[in-house]
Amino acid sequence: MVIGILYVSNIQDVRVTQAFFGVVPRRLVGVLGGSFLFAVASMTVWGRVSWSEPTLALAAVAVAWVPMAIGAALGDILPGT
């Protein structure tokens, strides 16, 4: 979904100079990475995950990460339009 949202907002204009390893657009890495780091940090600070069980903690973070990534992708297209 995130790739689709970013593609609709002209991700196809990203040049090779704007990609990691010549393939992955920086915009995609920023949206997914930023939302993942925020999901991990916020759920840890709020005490929603216990890292003593990392599999369960990552599953809980992944559930929160999906809507955060979609929101970040939608928020990313606003400044560029």
C-alpha atoms as a PDB file:
ATOM      1  CA  MET A   1       0.000   0.000   0.000  1.00  0.00           C
ATOM      2  CA  VAL A   2       2.807   2.414   0.862  1.00  0.00           C
ATOM      3  CA  ILE A   3       4.524   1.861  -2.486  1.00  0.00           C
ATOM      4  CA  GLY A   4       1.197   2.404  -4.269  1.00  0.00           C
ATOM      5  CA  ILE A   5       0.545   5.663  -2.409  1.00  0.00           C
ATOM      6  CA  LEU A   6       4.037   6.940  -3.112  1.00  0.00           C
ATOM      7  CA  TYR A   7       3.833   5.859  -6.766  1.00  0.00           C
ATOM      8  CA  VAL A   8       0.609   7.788  -7.262  1.00  0.00           C
ATOM      9  CA  SER A   9       2.329  10.847  -5.790  1.00  0.00           C
ATOM     10  CA  ASN A  10       4.990  10.744  -8.542  1.00  0.00           C
ATOM     11  CA  ILE A  11       7.599   8.446  -7.049  1.00  0.00           C
ATOM     12  CA  GLN A  12       8.399   7.564 -10.661  1.00  0.00           C
ATOM     13  CA  ASP A  13      10.257  10.892 -10.872  1.00  0.00           C
ATOM     14  CA  VAL A  14      12.956   9.643  -8.470  1.00  0.00           C
ATOM     15  CA  ARG A  15      16.264   9.478 -10.335  1.00  0.00           C
ATOM     16  CA  VAL A  16      19.071   7.002  -9.777  1.00  0.00           C
ATOM     17  CA  THR A  17      20.896   9.678  -7.764  1.00  0.00           C
ATOM     18  CA  GLN A  18      17.990   9.584  -5.305  1.00  0.00           C
ATOM     19  CA  ALA A  19      18.125   5.829  -4.697  1.00  0.00           C
ATOM     20  CA  PHE A  20      19.978   3.485  -2.393  1.00  0.00           C
ATOM     21  CA  PHE A  21      21.905   0.804  -4.265  1.00  0.00           C
ATOM     22  CA  GLY A  22      20.472   2.273  -7.477  1.00  0.00           C
ATOM     23  CA  VAL A  23      17.131   0.567  -6.850  1.00  0.00           C
ATOM     24  CA  VAL A  24      15.384   1.594  -3.621  1.00  0.00           C
ATOM     25  CA  PRO A  25      14.093   5.199  -3.605  1.00  0.00           C
ATOM     26  CA  ARG A  26      15.134   7.311  -0.633  1.00  0.00           C
ATOM     27  CA  ARG A  27      11.578   8.506  -0.205  1.00  0.00           C
ATOM     28  CA  LEU A  28      10.374   4.941   0.365  1.00  0.00           C
ATOM     29  CA  VAL A  29      13.198   4.203   2.803  1.00  0.00           C
ATOM     30  CA  GLY A  30      12.448   7.409   4.686  1.00  0.00           C
ATOM     31  CA  VAL A  31       8.738   6.732   4.989  1.00  0.00           C
ATOM     32  CA  LEU A  32       9.102   3.092   6.011  1.00  0.00           C
ATOM     33  CA  GLY A  33      12.165   3.605   8.194  1.00  0.00           C
ATOM     34  CA  GLY A  34      10.831   6.656   9.963  1.00  0.00           C
ATOM     35  CA  SER A  35       7.479   5.084  10.734  1.00  0.00           C
ATOM     36  CA  PHE A  36       9.137   1.850  11.928  1.00  0.00           C
ATOM     37  CA  LEU A  37      11.513   3.681  14.252  1.00  0.00           C
ATOM     38  CA  PHE A  38       8.645   5.740  15.636  1.00  0.00           C
ATOM     39  CA  ALA A  39       6.553   2.602  16.171  1.00  0.00           C
ATOM     40  CA  VAL A  40       9.384   0.894  18.062  1.00  0.00           C
ATOM     41  CA  ALA A  41      10.207   3.981  20.136  1.00  0.00           C
ATOM     42  CA  SER A  42       6.649   4.943  21.006  1.00  0.00           C
ATOM     43  CA  MET A  43       5.528   1.435  21.897  1.00  0.00           C
ATOM     44  CA  THR A  44       8.626   0.931  24.044  1.00  0.00           C
ATOM     45  CA  VAL A  45       8.282   4.263  25.858  1.00  0.00           C
ATOM     46  CA  TRP A  46       4.573   3.724  26.497  1.00  0.00           C
ATOM     47  CA  GLY A  47       5.259   0.231  27.846  1.00  0.00           C
ATOM     48  CA  ARG A  48       3.141  -1.554  25.233  1.00  0.00           C
ATOM     49  CA  VAL A  49       5.873  -4.080  24.406  1.00  0.00           C
ATOM     50  CA  SER A  50       8.178  -6.151  26.555  1.00  0.00           C
ATOM     51  CA  TRP A  51      11.465  -6.837  24.791  1.00  0.00           C
ATOM     52  CA  SER A  52      12.052  -9.901  26.945  1.00  0.00           C
ATOM     53  CA  GLU A  53       9.943 -11.695  24.311  1.00  0.00           C
ATOM     54  CA  PRO A  54      11.307 -10.223  21.052  1.00  0.00           C
ATOM     55  CA  THR A  55       9.060 -12.215  18.704  1.00  0.00           C
ATOM     56  CA  LEU A  56       5.909 -10.997  20.400  1.00  0.00           C
ATOM     57  CA  ALA A  57       7.293  -7.467  20.644  1.00  0.00           C
ATOM     58  CA  LEU A  58       8.117  -7.337  16.918  1.00  0.00           C
ATOM     59  CA  ALA A  59       4.664  -8.671  16.079  1.00  0.00           C
ATOM     60  CA  ALA A  60       3.033  -5.940  18.161  1.00  0.00           C
ATOM     61  CA  VAL A  61       5.265  -3.292  16.570  1.00  0.00           C
ATOM     62  CA  ALA A  62       4.425  -4.611  13.083  1.00  0.00           C
ATOM     63  CA  VAL A  63       0.710  -4.249  13.790  1.00  0.00           C
ATOM     64  CA  ALA A  64       1.215  -0.617  14.816  1.00  0.00           C
ATOM     65  CA  TRP A  65       3.707   0.019  11.989  1.00  0.00           C
ATOM     66  CA  VAL A  66       1.248  -0.619   9.134  1.00  0.00           C
ATOM     67  CA  PRO A  67      -1.108   2.314   9.828  1.00  0.00           C
ATOM     68  CA  MET A  68       1.868   4.508  10.744  1.00  0.00           C
ATOM     69  CA  ALA A  69       3.517   3.764   7.395  1.00  0.00           C
ATOM     70  CA  ILE A  70       0.304   4.524   5.495  1.00  0.00           C
ATOM     71  CA  GLY A  71      -0.094   7.771   7.417  1.00  0.00           C
ATOM     72  CA  ALA A  72       3.522   8.700   6.761  1.00  0.00           C
ATOM     73  CA  ALA A  73       3.076   8.046   3.040  1.00  0.00           C
ATOM     74  CA  LEU A  74      -0.037  10.209   2.940  1.00  0.00           C
ATOM     75  CA  GLY A  75       1.717  12.916   4.936  1.00  0.00           C
ATOM     76  CA  ASP A  76       4.705  12.759   2.619  1.00  0.00           C
ATOM     77  CA  ILE A  77       2.679  13.611  -0.478  1.00  0.00           C
ATOM     78  CA  LEU A  78       1.196  16.773   1.032  1.00  0.00           C
ATOM     79  CA  PRO A  79       4.327  18.977   0.979  1.00  0.00           C
ATOM     80  CA  GLY A  80       5.173  17.983  -2.597  1.00  0.00           C
ATOM     81  CA  THR A  81       1.788  18.796  -4.135  1.00  0.00           C
END
